[in-house]
């Protein structure tokens, strides 16, 4: 009778284990160590060969030190500033370098044209580092456009392109002017009472008011009293977990459960807004039209209406998807914009010469005989006129590049962040802050 191949393999394994158990244990230890080292060497060899096939410079002998098994170049990044380390590699090896980091193969691109090529033409080959880079922000990003890949990403981008490229640029100036006027009132009151103003916190609330008003039609009062109280603590804790990952496992502390409670409340709150808005839109469709002002959420729901024709209630899966999209846009436009403006204002207040030039540049376009604390959006200079705010744009761009954090995780809202109207309105913040600083 012939032996069955499966049974033969089982017997072979059993015999091998029996022999190892009855031999000297030191041989087993030595064999395990040799096998482990051989596996590491083979893994590095095949990875290195694969990168050479693509013409990628692999950081096997960088000046800062050789990579370690499994750790890769992690010790290099701990010893040197990541930006300086990567730039030194690019200066030596070119615009594309490949390196190992904690068992993962990483690529760094230092060429805008190559980055544009990857993100536009080769996006299907890009794998996002969700488990590491985006780990602590996944409660906000969810399955939105930032974390999606391949066909899901293409579909979401097509659906969101029109509301973000056209409609948002028409809504941002009005919402921004209203938010700045509220802050002007706060700064005037601080000048009268000689009280200090927390600029960073104020700008975080300001940008959140602008974005929540543009995307969800929330009033400033509702944004501060409900949305901000749930959303901002989540972002703060997520930022802390980036630098202190152990905080994600401190379930014995109240902050751990408060974080989960805020996430739950935020999801429920945004989902409720989406369900109500969808129902309102269906009622408007039945009644033959609407006279209310449309926002970005309306544009997003409109882009998906053909998928759910004549349904009065959205499926739960669709509600979760739209909810994650809205939260993604909040994170994308809020944190980066607030950090950019905070650091710009900080640097300008520390440099009176540049502050004066920026103020003069703004005064050349904004009429001095207009009370900008009460002006309407129709009184703002045109986009073509605001393009002459060259120094202002330079200050914002430098701050965005040098100080704003987590840029690699953000949705591409460059048209919003560098919107000429937004730059122009920021001039009024600088002028008012400069007057307060002079009087104080």
Foldseek 3Di string as FASTA:
>chain_A
DDDDPVVVVVVVVVVVVVVCVPDDVVVVVVVVVVVVVVVQVVVVVVVVVVCVVVVAAEPQDDPQDGADRLQKCVVVVVVDPPVVVVVVVCVVPNQWHWTDHNRDIDIGGDDPVVVVCCVPVVQQVDQDPCVALVVLVCLQLPCALLHDHDPVNVVRCVLQVCCLVPVLLVQLLQQLLLLLLVVLVVLVVCLVVVHDDPLLVSLLLSQQSSLCCQAQVDHSVCCVPPVCVLQVLSVVVSVVCSVVVCVCVPPVDPSNVSNVVSSVSLLVVQLVSLFVVLLVVLVQVVVPHDDDDDHSSVSSCVSCCVVPPPDNGDPPVVSNHSSSNSSQSSVQRRQLLSQLLVVLLVVCVVPVVLLVVLLVQLCVQQPPVDPSSPDGSVNHDDQVSLVSSVSLLVSSVVSSVPPRPPNVSHDPSVCSSSPSSSSSSSSVVSVSVVVSVVSD
